[in-house]
Amino acid sequence: MPVITSRDHPLIKQLIKLEGSTQYRRRSRLTLLDGVHLIQIYCSVLGTPKNLIVSSLF
């Protein structure tokens, strides 16, 4: 599992855009899920997500 430590990483930049812009989420057809419960529901209904980002605090 790769560790991302820079805010300049393209995935981090995309996550920041997704968080801050409804238009970007609609245009990119992506969303953010925050919390174990929402991720469990997503997996049970739609399968494995494209990306799963986990904080190192866990």
PDB file of N, CA and C in Angstrom:
ATOM      1  N   MET A   1       0.843  -1.161   0.000  1.00  0.00           N
ATOM      2  CA  MET A   1       0.000   0.000   0.000  1.00  0.00           C
ATOM      3  C   MET A   1       0.900   1.240   0.000  1.00  0.00           C
ATOM      4  N   PRO A   2       0.759   2.095  -0.994  1.00  0.00           N
ATOM      5  CA  PRO A   2       1.598   3.301  -1.035  1.00  0.00           C
ATOM      6  C   PRO A   2       1.188   4.312   0.041  1.00  0.00           C
ATOM      7  N   VAL A   3       2.166   5.012   0.553  1.00  0.00           N
ATOM      8  CA  VAL A   3       1.940   6.059   1.542  1.00  0.00           C
ATOM      9  C   VAL A   3       2.120   7.402   0.843  1.00  0.00           C
ATOM     10  N   ILE A   4       1.120   8.260   0.955  1.00  0.00           N
ATOM     11  CA  ILE A   4       1.174   9.589   0.338  1.00  0.00           C
ATOM     12  C   ILE A   4       1.442  10.599   1.444  1.00  0.00           C
ATOM     13  N   THR A   5       2.505  11.372   1.279  1.00  0.00           N
ATOM     14  CA  THR A   5       2.867  12.346   2.307  1.00  0.00           C
ATOM     15  C   THR A   5       2.840  13.780   1.804  1.00  0.00           C
ATOM     16  N   SER A   6       2.600  13.980   0.513  1.00  0.00           N
ATOM     17  CA  SER A   6       2.660  15.314  -0.059  1.00  0.00           C
ATOM     18  C   SER A   6       1.284  15.787  -0.524  1.00  0.00           C
ATOM     19  N   ARG A   7       0.979  17.044  -0.235  1.00  0.00           N
ATOM     20  CA  ARG A   7      -0.269  17.634  -0.739  1.00  0.00           C
ATOM     21  C   ARG A   7      -0.196  17.885  -2.241  1.00  0.00           C
ATOM     22  N   ASP A   8       0.980  17.762  -2.828  1.00  0.00           N
ATOM     23  CA  ASP A   8       1.149  17.960  -4.268  1.00  0.00           C
ATOM     24  C   ASP A   8       0.869  16.689  -5.068  1.00  0.00           C
ATOM     25  N   HIS A   9       0.582  15.596  -4.401  1.00  0.00           N
ATOM     26  CA  HIS A   9       0.270  14.340  -5.073  1.00  0.00           C
ATOM     27  C   HIS A   9      -1.051  14.515  -5.845  1.00  0.00           C
ATOM     28  N   PRO A  10      -1.118  14.054  -7.103  1.00  0.00           N
ATOM     29  CA  PRO A  10      -2.320  14.240  -7.921  1.00  0.00           C
ATOM     30  C   PRO A  10      -3.599  13.695  -7.281  1.00  0.00           C
ATOM     31  N   LEU A  11      -3.511  12.581  -6.565  1.00  0.00           N
ATOM     32  CA  LEU A  11      -4.705  12.028  -5.922  1.00  0.00           C
ATOM     33  C   LEU A  11      -5.200  12.947  -4.809  1.00  0.00           C
ATOM     34  N   ILE A  12      -4.305  13.515  -4.047  1.00  0.00           N
ATOM     35  CA  ILE A  12      -4.684  14.440  -2.979  1.00  0.00           C
ATOM     36  C   ILE A  12      -5.328  15.684  -3.576  1.00  0.00           C
ATOM     37  N   LYS A  13      -4.768  16.193  -4.664  1.00  0.00           N
ATOM     38  CA  LYS A  13      -5.349  17.357  -5.333  1.00  0.00           C
ATOM     39  C   LYS A  13      -6.769  17.046  -5.803  1.00  0.00           C
ATOM     40  N   GLN A  14      -6.980  15.840  -6.350  1.00  0.00           N
ATOM     41  CA  GLN A  14      -8.311  15.455  -6.806  1.00  0.00           C
ATOM     42  C   GLN A  14      -9.282  15.362  -5.621  1.00  0.00           C
ATOM     43  N   LEU A  15      -8.838  14.808  -4.508  1.00  0.00           N
ATOM     44  CA  LEU A  15      -9.693  14.692  -3.330  1.00  0.00           C
ATOM     45  C   LEU A  15     -10.109  16.063  -2.803  1.00  0.00           C
ATOM     46  N   ILE A  16      -9.188  16.998  -2.822  1.00  0.00           N
ATOM     47  CA  ILE A  16      -9.491  18.361  -2.372  1.00  0.00           C
ATOM     48  C   ILE A  16     -10.544  18.989  -3.280  1.00  0.00           C
ATOM     49  N   LYS A  17     -10.409  18.784  -4.597  1.00  0.00           N
ATOM     50  CA  LYS A  17     -11.407  19.295  -5.542  1.00  0.00           C
ATOM     51  C   LYS A  17     -12.760  18.642  -5.311  1.00  0.00           C
ATOM     52  N   LEU A  18     -12.779  17.332  -5.098  1.00  0.00           N
ATOM     53  CA  LEU A  18     -14.034  16.620  -4.860  1.00  0.00           C
ATOM     54  C   LEU A  18     -14.727  17.125  -3.607  1.00  0.00           C
ATOM     55  N   GLU A  19     -13.949  17.379  -2.575  1.00  0.00           N
ATOM     56  CA  GLU A  19     -14.517  17.850  -1.319  1.00  0.00           C
ATOM     57  C   GLU A  19     -15.126  19.243  -1.456  1.00  0.00           C
ATOM     58  N   GLY A  20     -14.498  20.072  -2.251  1.00  0.00           N
ATOM     59  CA  GLY A  20     -14.896  21.470  -2.294  1.00  0.00           C
ATOM     60  C   GLY A  20     -15.860  21.879  -3.391  1.00  0.00           C
ATOM     61  N   SER A  21     -16.163  20.994  -4.321  1.00  0.00           N
ATOM     62  CA  SER A  21     -16.958  21.431  -5.470  1.00  0.00           C
ATOM     63  C   SER A  21     -17.997  20.391  -5.895  1.00  0.00           C
ATOM     64  N   THR A  22     -19.253  20.752  -5.729  1.00  0.00           N
ATOM     65  CA  THR A  22     -20.344  19.902  -6.207  1.00  0.00           C
ATOM     66  C   THR A  22     -20.264  19.750  -7.718  1.00  0.00           C
ATOM     67  N   GLN A  23     -19.969  20.835  -8.416  1.00  0.00           N
ATOM     68  CA  GLN A  23     -19.853  20.778  -9.876  1.00  0.00           C
ATOM     69  C   GLN A  23     -18.775  19.783 -10.302  1.00  0.00           C
ATOM     70  N   TYR A  24     -17.638  19.805  -9.628  1.00  0.00           N
ATOM     71  CA  TYR A  24     -16.551  18.885  -9.972  1.00  0.00           C
ATOM     72  C   TYR A  24     -16.977  17.439  -9.730  1.00  0.00           C
ATOM     73  N   ARG A  25     -17.688  17.192  -8.609  1.00  0.00           N
ATOM     74  CA  ARG A  25     -18.168  15.833  -8.331  1.00  0.00           C
ATOM     75  C   ARG A  25     -19.117  15.357  -9.423  1.00  0.00           C
ATOM     76  N   ARG A  26     -20.025  16.220  -9.848  1.00  0.00           N
ATOM     77  CA  ARG A  26     -20.963  15.848 -10.909  1.00  0.00           C
ATOM     78  C   ARG A  26     -20.243  15.614 -12.231  1.00  0.00           C
ATOM     79  N   ARG A  27     -19.350  16.517 -12.563  1.00  0.00           N
ATOM     80  CA  ARG A  27     -18.620  16.435 -13.837  1.00  0.00           C
ATOM     81  C   ARG A  27     -17.739  15.180 -13.891  1.00  0.00           C
ATOM     82  N   SER A  28     -17.078  14.861 -12.789  1.00  0.00           N
ATOM     83  CA  SER A  28     -16.164  13.724 -12.759  1.00  0.00           C
ATOM     84  C   SER A  28     -16.879  12.406 -12.446  1.00  0.00           C
ATOM     85  N   ARG A  29     -18.141  12.517 -12.021  1.00  0.00           N
ATOM     86  CA  ARG A  29     -18.937  11.350 -11.635  1.00  0.00           C
ATOM     87  C   ARG A  29     -18.261  10.550 -10.523  1.00  0.00           C
ATOM     88  N   LEU A  30     -17.659  11.292  -9.577  1.00  0.00           N
ATOM     89  CA  LEU A  30     -17.005  10.700  -8.416  1.00  0.00           C
ATOM     90  C   LEU A  30     -17.584  11.323  -7.155  1.00  0.00           C
ATOM     91  N   THR A  31     -17.362  10.695  -6.031  1.00  0.00           N
ATOM     92  CA  THR A  31     -17.798  11.252  -4.762  1.00  0.00           C
ATOM     93  C   THR A  31     -16.836  10.831  -3.661  1.00  0.00           C
ATOM     94  N   LEU A  32     -17.036  11.382  -2.488  1.00  0.00           N
ATOM     95  CA  LEU A  32     -16.253  11.018  -1.314  1.00  0.00           C
ATOM     96  C   LEU A  32     -17.189  10.400  -0.286  1.00  0.00           C
ATOM     97  N   LEU A  33     -16.745   9.340   0.337  1.00  0.00           N
ATOM     98  CA  LEU A  33     -17.482   8.734   1.440  1.00  0.00           C
ATOM     99  C   LEU A  33     -16.599   8.819   2.668  1.00  0.00           C
ATOM    100  N   ASP A  34     -17.166   9.276   3.772  1.00  0.00           N
ATOM    101  CA  ASP A  34     -16.391   9.427   4.995  1.00  0.00           C
ATOM    102  C   ASP A  34     -17.034   8.585   6.086  1.00  0.00           C
ATOM    103  N   GLY A  35     -16.322   7.600   6.528  1.00  0.00           N
ATOM    104  CA  GLY A  35     -16.815   6.765   7.613  1.00  0.00           C
ATOM    105  C   GLY A  35     -16.961   5.310   7.211  1.00  0.00           C
ATOM    106  N   VAL A  36     -16.713   4.451   8.165  1.00  0.00           N
ATOM    107  CA  VAL A  36     -16.734   3.016   7.927  1.00  0.00           C
ATOM    108  C   VAL A  36     -18.116   2.555   7.470  1.00  0.00           C
ATOM    109  N   HIS A  37     -19.164   3.065   8.101  1.00  0.00           N
ATOM    110  CA  HIS A  37     -20.523   2.634   7.772  1.00  0.00           C
ATOM    111  C   HIS A  37     -20.864   2.903   6.306  1.00  0.00           C
ATOM    112  N   LEU A  38     -20.585   4.099   5.826  1.00  0.00           N
ATOM    113  CA  LEU A  38     -20.879   4.429   4.427  1.00  0.00           C
ATOM    114  C   LEU A  38     -20.067   3.570   3.463  1.00  0.00           C
ATOM    115  N   ILE A  39     -18.837   3.297   3.808  1.00  0.00           N
ATOM    116  CA  ILE A  39     -17.988   2.468   2.947  1.00  0.00           C
ATOM    117  C   ILE A  39     -18.491   1.026   2.934  1.00  0.00           C
ATOM    118  N   GLN A  40     -18.950   0.514   4.080  1.00  0.00           N
ATOM    119  CA  GLN A  40     -19.515  -0.831   4.127  1.00  0.00           C
ATOM    120  C   GLN A  40     -20.754  -0.942   3.240  1.00  0.00           C
ATOM    121  N   ILE A  41     -21.620   0.052   3.300  1.00  0.00           N
ATOM    122  CA  ILE A  41     -22.823   0.047   2.463  1.00  0.00           C
ATOM    123  C   ILE A  41     -22.433   0.108   0.992  1.00  0.00           C
ATOM    124  N   TYR A  42     -21.510   0.992   0.641  1.00  0.00           N
ATOM    125  CA  TYR A  42     -21.060   1.094  -0.748  1.00  0.00           C
ATOM    126  C   TYR A  42     -20.561  -0.262  -1.245  1.00  0.00           C
ATOM    127  N   CYS A  43     -19.716  -0.904  -0.464  1.00  0.00           N
ATOM    128  CA  CYS A  43     -19.146  -2.196  -0.872  1.00  0.00           C
ATOM    129  C   CYS A  43     -20.226  -3.265  -1.018  1.00  0.00           C
ATOM    130  N   SER A  44     -21.208  -3.262  -0.136  1.00  0.00           N
ATOM    131  CA  SER A  44     -22.249  -4.287  -0.215  1.00  0.00           C
ATOM    132  C   SER A  44     -23.165  -4.069  -1.418  1.00  0.00           C
ATOM    133  N   VAL A  45     -23.340  -2.827  -1.839  1.00  0.00           N
ATOM    134  CA  VAL A  45     -24.233  -2.533  -2.962  1.00  0.00           C
ATOM    135  C   VAL A  45     -23.482  -2.500  -4.292  1.00  0.00           C
ATOM    136  N   LEU A  46     -22.335  -1.826  -4.338  1.00  0.00           N
ATOM    137  CA  LEU A  46     -21.638  -1.575  -5.602  1.00  0.00           C
ATOM    138  C   LEU A  46     -20.315  -2.319  -5.755  1.00  0.00           C
ATOM    139  N   GLY A  47     -19.844  -2.965  -4.712  1.00  0.00           N
ATOM    140  CA  GLY A  47     -18.579  -3.683  -4.804  1.00  0.00           C
ATOM    141  C   GLY A  47     -17.402  -2.837  -4.362  1.00  0.00           C
ATOM    142  N   THR A  48     -16.246  -3.234  -4.778  1.00  0.00           N
ATOM    143  CA  THR A  48     -14.998  -2.593  -4.366  1.00  0.00           C
ATOM    144  C   THR A  48     -14.874  -1.185  -4.939  1.00  0.00           C
ATOM    145  N   PRO A  49     -14.548  -0.192  -4.088  1.00  0.00           N
ATOM    146  CA  PRO A  49     -14.360   1.171  -4.599  1.00  0.00           C
ATOM    147  C   PRO A  49     -13.073   1.286  -5.413  1.00  0.00           C
ATOM    148  N   LYS A  50     -13.020   2.304  -6.251  1.00  0.00           N
ATOM    149  CA  LYS A  50     -11.839   2.548  -7.079  1.00  0.00           C
ATOM    150  C   LYS A  50     -10.621   2.862  -6.208  1.00  0.00           C
ATOM    151  N   ASN A  51     -10.806   3.720  -5.230  1.00  0.00           N
ATOM    152  CA  ASN A  51      -9.735   4.092  -4.297  1.00  0.00           C
ATOM    153  C   ASN A  51     -10.281   4.057  -2.880  1.00  0.00           C
ATOM    154  N   LEU A  52      -9.428   3.694  -1.951  1.00  0.00           N
ATOM    155  CA  LEU A  52      -9.764   3.733  -0.538  1.00  0.00           C
ATOM    156  C   LEU A  52      -8.591   4.379   0.179  1.00  0.00           C
ATOM    157  N   ILE A  53      -8.833   5.543   0.743  1.00  0.00           N
ATOM    158  CA  ILE A  53      -7.783   6.286   1.418  1.00  0.00           C
ATOM    159  C   ILE A  53      -8.035   6.174   2.928  1.00  0.00           C
ATOM    160  N   VAL A  54      -7.017   5.778   3.664  1.00  0.00           N
ATOM    161  CA  VAL A  54      -7.140   5.564   5.093  1.00  0.00           C
ATOM    162  C   VAL A  54      -6.109   6.437   5.810  1.00  0.00           C
ATOM    163  N   SER A  55      -6.541   7.085   6.852  1.00  0.00           N
ATOM    164  CA  SER A  55      -5.641   7.900   7.638  1.00  0.00           C
ATOM    165  C   SER A  55      -4.642   7.023   8.387  1.00  0.00           C
ATOM    166  N   SER A  56      -3.452   7.523   8.543  1.00  0.00           N
ATOM    167  CA  SER A  56      -2.431   6.772   9.277  1.00  0.00           C
ATOM    168  C   SER A  56      -2.688   6.776  10.770  1.00  0.00           C
ATOM    169  N   LEU A  57      -3.696   7.504  11.209  1.00  0.00           N
ATOM    170  CA  LEU A  57      -4.013   7.562  12.635  1.00  0.00           C
ATOM    171  C   LEU A  57      -4.697   6.300  13.126  1.00  0.00           C
ATOM    172  N   PHE A  58      -5.139   5.451  12.211  1.00  0.00           N
ATOM    173  CA  PHE A  58      -5.828   4.210  12.625  1.00  0.00           C
ATOM    174  C   PHE A  58      -4.857   3.177  13.065  1.00  0.00           C
TER     175      PHE A  58
END
